[in-house]
Amino acid sequence: MIGIMTQNTKDRIADLERQKIDLENQLETLGYANNLVRMHQIEEEIYEIEDTIRKLLP
């Protein structure tokens, strides 16, 4: 059976993708500042976003 995504789900995925891009940009900037604790926090946030997107996809 083919899963159908609602517009709300599509919007949520798009928002999560934008958040992920923002976090990846922050991670790149922090990489140069040697802030390892914050880098790890951002990596965890990115993982959570990716996990949520996988769960939202049919």
PDB file of N, CA and C in Angstrom:
ATOM      1  N   MET A   1       0.836  -1.174   0.000  1.00  0.00           N
ATOM      2  CA  MET A   1       0.000   0.000   0.000  1.00  0.00           C
ATOM      3  C   MET A   1       0.886   1.244   0.000  1.00  0.00           C
ATOM      4  N   ILE A   2       0.522   2.181  -0.806  1.00  0.00           N
ATOM      5  CA  ILE A   2       1.293   3.406  -0.928  1.00  0.00           C
ATOM      6  C   ILE A   2       0.886   4.373   0.182  1.00  0.00           C
ATOM      7  N   GLY A   3       1.874   4.853   0.926  1.00  0.00           N
ATOM      8  CA  GLY A   3       1.597   5.820   1.984  1.00  0.00           C
ATOM      9  C   GLY A   3       1.434   7.213   1.398  1.00  0.00           C
ATOM     10  N   ILE A   4       0.496   7.941   1.917  1.00  0.00           N
ATOM     11  CA  ILE A   4       0.260   9.293   1.454  1.00  0.00           C
ATOM     12  C   ILE A   4       0.600  10.246   2.594  1.00  0.00           C
ATOM     13  N   MET A   5       1.467  11.216   2.275  1.00  0.00           N
ATOM     14  CA  MET A   5       1.834  12.196   3.285  1.00  0.00           C
ATOM     15  C   MET A   5       0.878  13.379   3.219  1.00  0.00           C
ATOM     16  N   THR A   6       0.476  13.833   4.358  1.00  0.00           N
ATOM     17  CA  THR A   6      -0.365  15.022   4.401  1.00  0.00           C
ATOM     18  C   THR A   6       0.519  16.251   4.187  1.00  0.00           C
ATOM     19  N   GLN A   7      -0.096  17.355   3.872  1.00  0.00           N
ATOM     20  CA  GLN A   7       0.656  18.592   3.685  1.00  0.00           C
ATOM     21  C   GLN A   7       1.348  18.982   4.991  1.00  0.00           C
ATOM     22  N   ASN A   8       0.694  18.702   6.103  1.00  0.00           N
ATOM     23  CA  ASN A   8       1.294  19.007   7.401  1.00  0.00           C
ATOM     24  C   ASN A   8       2.595  18.229   7.591  1.00  0.00           C
ATOM     25  N   THR A   9       2.609  16.962   7.211  1.00  0.00           N
ATOM     26  CA  THR A   9       3.812  16.143   7.333  1.00  0.00           C
ATOM     27  C   THR A   9       4.900  16.671   6.411  1.00  0.00           C
ATOM     28  N   LYS A  10       4.540  17.023   5.189  1.00  0.00           N
ATOM     29  CA  LYS A  10       5.517  17.577   4.248  1.00  0.00           C
ATOM     30  C   LYS A  10       6.114  18.871   4.778  1.00  0.00           C
ATOM     31  N   ASP A  11       5.262  19.719   5.348  1.00  0.00           N
ATOM     32  CA  ASP A  11       5.744  20.977   5.918  1.00  0.00           C
ATOM     33  C   ASP A  11       6.671  20.728   7.096  1.00  0.00           C
ATOM     34  N   ARG A  12       6.332  19.747   7.911  1.00  0.00           N
ATOM     35  CA  ARG A  12       7.162  19.399   9.075  1.00  0.00           C
ATOM     36  C   ARG A  12       8.532  18.900   8.630  1.00  0.00           C
ATOM     37  N   ILE A  13       8.554  18.044   7.602  1.00  0.00           N
ATOM     38  CA  ILE A  13       9.823  17.531   7.087  1.00  0.00           C
ATOM     39  C   ILE A  13      10.654  18.677   6.515  1.00  0.00           C
ATOM     40  N   ALA A  14      10.035  19.574   5.778  1.00  0.00           N
ATOM     41  CA  ALA A  14      10.753  20.720   5.205  1.00  0.00           C
ATOM     42  C   ALA A  14      11.341  21.586   6.322  1.00  0.00           C
ATOM     43  N   ASP A  15      10.569  21.799   7.384  1.00  0.00           N
ATOM     44  CA  ASP A  15      11.057  22.593   8.510  1.00  0.00           C
ATOM     45  C   ASP A  15      12.241  21.899   9.185  1.00  0.00           C
ATOM     46  N   LEU A  16      12.141  20.602   9.362  1.00  0.00           N
ATOM     47  CA  LEU A  16      13.236  19.848   9.973  1.00  0.00           C
ATOM     48  C   LEU A  16      14.492  19.905   9.112  1.00  0.00           C
ATOM     49  N   GLU A  17      14.320  19.828   7.796  1.00  0.00           N
ATOM     50  CA  GLU A  17      15.469  19.918   6.893  1.00  0.00           C
ATOM     51  C   GLU A  17      16.144  21.283   7.012  1.00  0.00           C
ATOM     52  N   ARG A  18      15.341  22.350   7.138  1.00  0.00           N
ATOM     53  CA  ARG A  18      15.915  23.692   7.309  1.00  0.00           C
ATOM     54  C   ARG A  18      16.679  23.782   8.625  1.00  0.00           C
ATOM     55  N   GLN A  19      16.112  23.203   9.689  1.00  0.00           N
ATOM     56  CA  GLN A  19      16.793  23.194  10.987  1.00  0.00           C
ATOM     57  C   GLN A  19      18.113  22.438  10.889  1.00  0.00           C
ATOM     58  N   LYS A  20      18.095  21.329  10.181  1.00  0.00           N
ATOM     59  CA  LYS A  20      19.296  20.510  10.026  1.00  0.00           C
ATOM     60  C   LYS A  20      20.382  21.293   9.293  1.00  0.00           C
ATOM     61  N   ILE A  21      20.021  21.989   8.244  1.00  0.00           N
ATOM     62  CA  ILE A  21      20.991  22.787   7.495  1.00  0.00           C
ATOM     63  C   ILE A  21      21.586  23.870   8.380  1.00  0.00           C
ATOM     64  N   ASP A  22      20.729  24.525   9.169  1.00  0.00           N
ATOM     65  CA  ASP A  22      21.209  25.559  10.081  1.00  0.00           C
ATOM     66  C   ASP A  22      22.193  24.979  11.090  1.00  0.00           C
ATOM     67  N   LEU A  23      21.861  23.825  11.643  1.00  0.00           N
ATOM     68  CA  LEU A  23      22.755  23.185  12.615  1.00  0.00           C
ATOM     69  C   LEU A  23      24.068  22.761  11.968  1.00  0.00           C
ATOM     70  N   GLU A  24      24.011  22.268  10.743  1.00  0.00           N
ATOM     71  CA  GLU A  24      25.239  21.880  10.044  1.00  0.00           C
ATOM     72  C   GLU A  24      26.128  23.099   9.807  1.00  0.00           C
ATOM     73  N   ASN A  25      25.514  24.234   9.496  1.00  0.00           N
ATOM     74  CA  ASN A  25      26.287  25.468   9.328  1.00  0.00           C
ATOM     75  C   ASN A  25      26.923  25.890  10.652  1.00  0.00           C
ATOM     76  N   GLN A  26      26.166  25.783  11.743  1.00  0.00           N
ATOM     77  CA  GLN A  26      26.714  26.104  13.062  1.00  0.00           C
ATOM     78  C   GLN A  26      27.862  25.166  13.404  1.00  0.00           C
ATOM     79  N   LEU A  27      27.704  23.899  13.066  1.00  0.00           N
ATOM     80  CA  LEU A  27      28.730  22.905  13.357  1.00  0.00           C
ATOM     81  C   LEU A  27      30.021  23.233  12.609  1.00  0.00           C
ATOM     82  N   GLU A  28      29.881  23.644  11.360  1.00  0.00           N
ATOM     83  CA  GLU A  28      31.056  24.006  10.565  1.00  0.00           C
ATOM     84  C   GLU A  28      31.776  25.200  11.193  1.00  0.00           C
ATOM     85  N   THR A  29      31.016  26.183  11.627  1.00  0.00           N
ATOM     86  CA  THR A  29      31.603  27.368  12.258  1.00  0.00           C
ATOM     87  C   THR A  29      32.292  27.005  13.564  1.00  0.00           C
ATOM     88  N   LEU A  30      31.651  26.181  14.372  1.00  0.00           N
ATOM     89  CA  LEU A  30      32.231  25.779  15.647  1.00  0.00           C
ATOM     90  C   LEU A  30      33.469  24.927  15.471  1.00  0.00           C
ATOM     91  N   GLY A  31      33.544  24.208  14.362  1.00  0.00           N
ATOM     92  CA  GLY A  31      34.697  23.365  14.113  1.00  0.00           C
ATOM     93  C   GLY A  31      35.984  24.154  14.132  1.00  0.00           C
ATOM     94  N   TYR A  32      35.890  25.392  13.709  1.00  0.00           N
ATOM     95  CA  TYR A  32      37.069  26.234  13.681  1.00  0.00           C
ATOM     96  C   TYR A  32      37.359  26.862  15.040  1.00  0.00           C
ATOM     97  N   ALA A  33      36.371  26.866  15.921  1.00  0.00           N
ATOM     98  CA  ALA A  33      36.535  27.477  17.238  1.00  0.00           C
ATOM     99  C   ALA A  33      36.956  26.454  18.289  1.00  0.00           C
ATOM    100  N   ASN A  34      37.032  25.180  17.933  1.00  0.00           N
ATOM    101  CA  ASN A  34      37.430  24.107  18.847  1.00  0.00           C
ATOM    102  C   ASN A  34      36.532  23.999  20.076  1.00  0.00           C
ATOM    103  N   ASN A  35      35.249  24.170  19.902  1.00  0.00           N
ATOM    104  CA  ASN A  35      34.291  24.043  20.991  1.00  0.00           C
ATOM    105  C   ASN A  35      33.670  22.647  20.901  1.00  0.00           C
ATOM    106  N   LEU A  36      34.358  21.672  21.450  1.00  0.00           N
ATOM    107  CA  LEU A  36      33.976  20.271  21.284  1.00  0.00           C
ATOM    108  C   LEU A  36      32.655  19.920  21.962  1.00  0.00           C
ATOM    109  N   VAL A  37      32.368  20.519  23.098  1.00  0.00           N
ATOM    110  CA  VAL A  37      31.125  20.207  23.817  1.00  0.00           C
ATOM    111  C   VAL A  37      29.929  20.648  22.976  1.00  0.00           C
ATOM    112  N   ARG A  38      29.965  21.866  22.480  1.00  0.00           N
ATOM    113  CA  ARG A  38      28.852  22.374  21.669  1.00  0.00           C
ATOM    114  C   ARG A  38      28.764  21.598  20.355  1.00  0.00           C
ATOM    115  N   MET A  39      29.898  21.226  19.771  1.00  0.00           N
ATOM    116  CA  MET A  39      29.884  20.435  18.538  1.00  0.00           C
ATOM    117  C   MET A  39      29.150  19.118  18.776  1.00  0.00           C
ATOM    118  N   HIS A  40      29.409  18.491  19.898  1.00  0.00           N
ATOM    119  CA  HIS A  40      28.752  17.218  20.212  1.00  0.00           C
ATOM    120  C   HIS A  40      27.248  17.418  20.390  1.00  0.00           C
ATOM    121  N   GLN A  41      26.856  18.499  21.052  1.00  0.00           N
ATOM    122  CA  GLN A  41      25.434  18.790  21.229  1.00  0.00           C
ATOM    123  C   GLN A  41      24.740  18.986  19.878  1.00  0.00           C
ATOM    124  N   ILE A  42      25.385  19.717  18.989  1.00  0.00           N
ATOM    125  CA  ILE A  42      24.807  19.959  17.662  1.00  0.00           C
ATOM    126  C   ILE A  42      24.703  18.656  16.887  1.00  0.00           C
ATOM    127  N   GLU A  43      25.738  17.810  16.960  1.00  0.00           N
ATOM    128  CA  GLU A  43      25.686  16.517  16.278  1.00  0.00           C
ATOM    129  C   GLU A  43      24.526  15.674  16.794  1.00  0.00           C
ATOM    130  N   GLU A  44      24.267  15.713  18.098  1.00  0.00           N
ATOM    131  CA  GLU A  44      23.134  14.983  18.659  1.00  0.00           C
ATOM    132  C   GLU A  44      21.807  15.537  18.143  1.00  0.00           C
ATOM    133  N   GLU A  45      21.713  16.863  18.050  1.00  0.00           N
ATOM    134  CA  GLU A  45      20.499  17.482  17.532  1.00  0.00           C
ATOM    135  C   GLU A  45      20.263  17.086  16.074  1.00  0.00           C
ATOM    136  N   ILE A  46      21.326  17.067  15.283  1.00  0.00           N
ATOM    137  CA  ILE A  46      21.214  16.665  13.887  1.00  0.00           C
ATOM    138  C   ILE A  46      20.736  15.225  13.788  1.00  0.00           C
ATOM    139  N   TYR A  47      21.295  14.342  14.634  1.00  0.00           N
ATOM    140  CA  TYR A  47      20.872  12.947  14.639  1.00  0.00           C
ATOM    141  C   TYR A  47      19.385  12.831  14.957  1.00  0.00           C
ATOM    142  N   GLU A  48      18.923  13.585  15.958  1.00  0.00           N
ATOM    143  CA  GLU A  48      17.511  13.545  16.344  1.00  0.00           C
ATOM    144  C   GLU A  48      16.614  14.026  15.202  1.00  0.00           C
ATOM    145  N   ILE A  49      17.040  15.057  14.509  1.00  0.00           N
ATOM    146  CA  ILE A  49      16.263  15.565  13.374  1.00  0.00           C
ATOM    147  C   ILE A  49      16.188  14.506  12.280  1.00  0.00           C
ATOM    148  N   GLU A  50      17.330  13.896  11.950  1.00  0.00           N
ATOM    149  CA  GLU A  50      17.341  12.854  10.925  1.00  0.00           C
ATOM    150  C   GLU A  50      16.452  11.679  11.319  1.00  0.00           C
ATOM    151  N   ASP A  51      16.493  11.312  12.598  1.00  0.00           N
ATOM    152  CA  ASP A  51      15.659  10.211  13.095  1.00  0.00           C
ATOM    153  C   ASP A  51      14.180  10.561  12.974  1.00  0.00           C
ATOM    154  N   THR A  52      13.815  11.782  13.315  1.00  0.00           N
ATOM    155  CA  THR A  52      12.421  12.220  13.203  1.00  0.00           C
ATOM    156  C   THR A  52      11.958  12.214  11.755  1.00  0.00           C
ATOM    157  N   ILE A  53      12.827  12.666  10.852  1.00  0.00           N
ATOM    158  CA  ILE A  53      12.465  12.666   9.421  1.00  0.00           C
ATOM    159  C   ILE A  53      12.230  11.247   8.950  1.00  0.00           C
ATOM    160  N   ARG A  54      13.113  10.323   9.338  1.00  0.00           N
ATOM    161  CA  ARG A  54      12.925   8.918   8.939  1.00  0.00           C
ATOM    162  C   ARG A  54      11.585   8.375   9.436  1.00  0.00           C
ATOM    163  N   LYS A  55      11.186   8.766  10.630  1.00  0.00           N
ATOM    164  CA  LYS A  55       9.923   8.286  11.187  1.00  0.00           C
ATOM    165  C   LYS A  55       8.724   8.908  10.485  1.00  0.00           C
ATOM    166  N   LEU A  56       8.882  10.121   9.968  1.00  0.00           N
ATOM    167  CA  LEU A  56       7.768  10.783   9.292  1.00  0.00           C
ATOM    168  C   LEU A  56       7.572  10.279   7.865  1.00  0.00           C
ATOM    169  N   LEU A  57       8.629   9.767   7.265  1.00  0.00           N
ATOM    170  CA  LEU A  57       8.531   9.269   5.894  1.00  0.00           C
ATOM    171  C   LEU A  57       7.788   7.940   5.869  1.00  0.00           C
ATOM    172  N   PRO A  58       6.951   7.747   4.838  1.00  0.00           N
ATOM    173  CA  PRO A  58       6.195   6.496   4.754  1.00  0.00           C
ATOM    174  C   PRO A  58       7.075   5.307   4.440  1.00  0.00           C
TER     175      PRO A  58
END
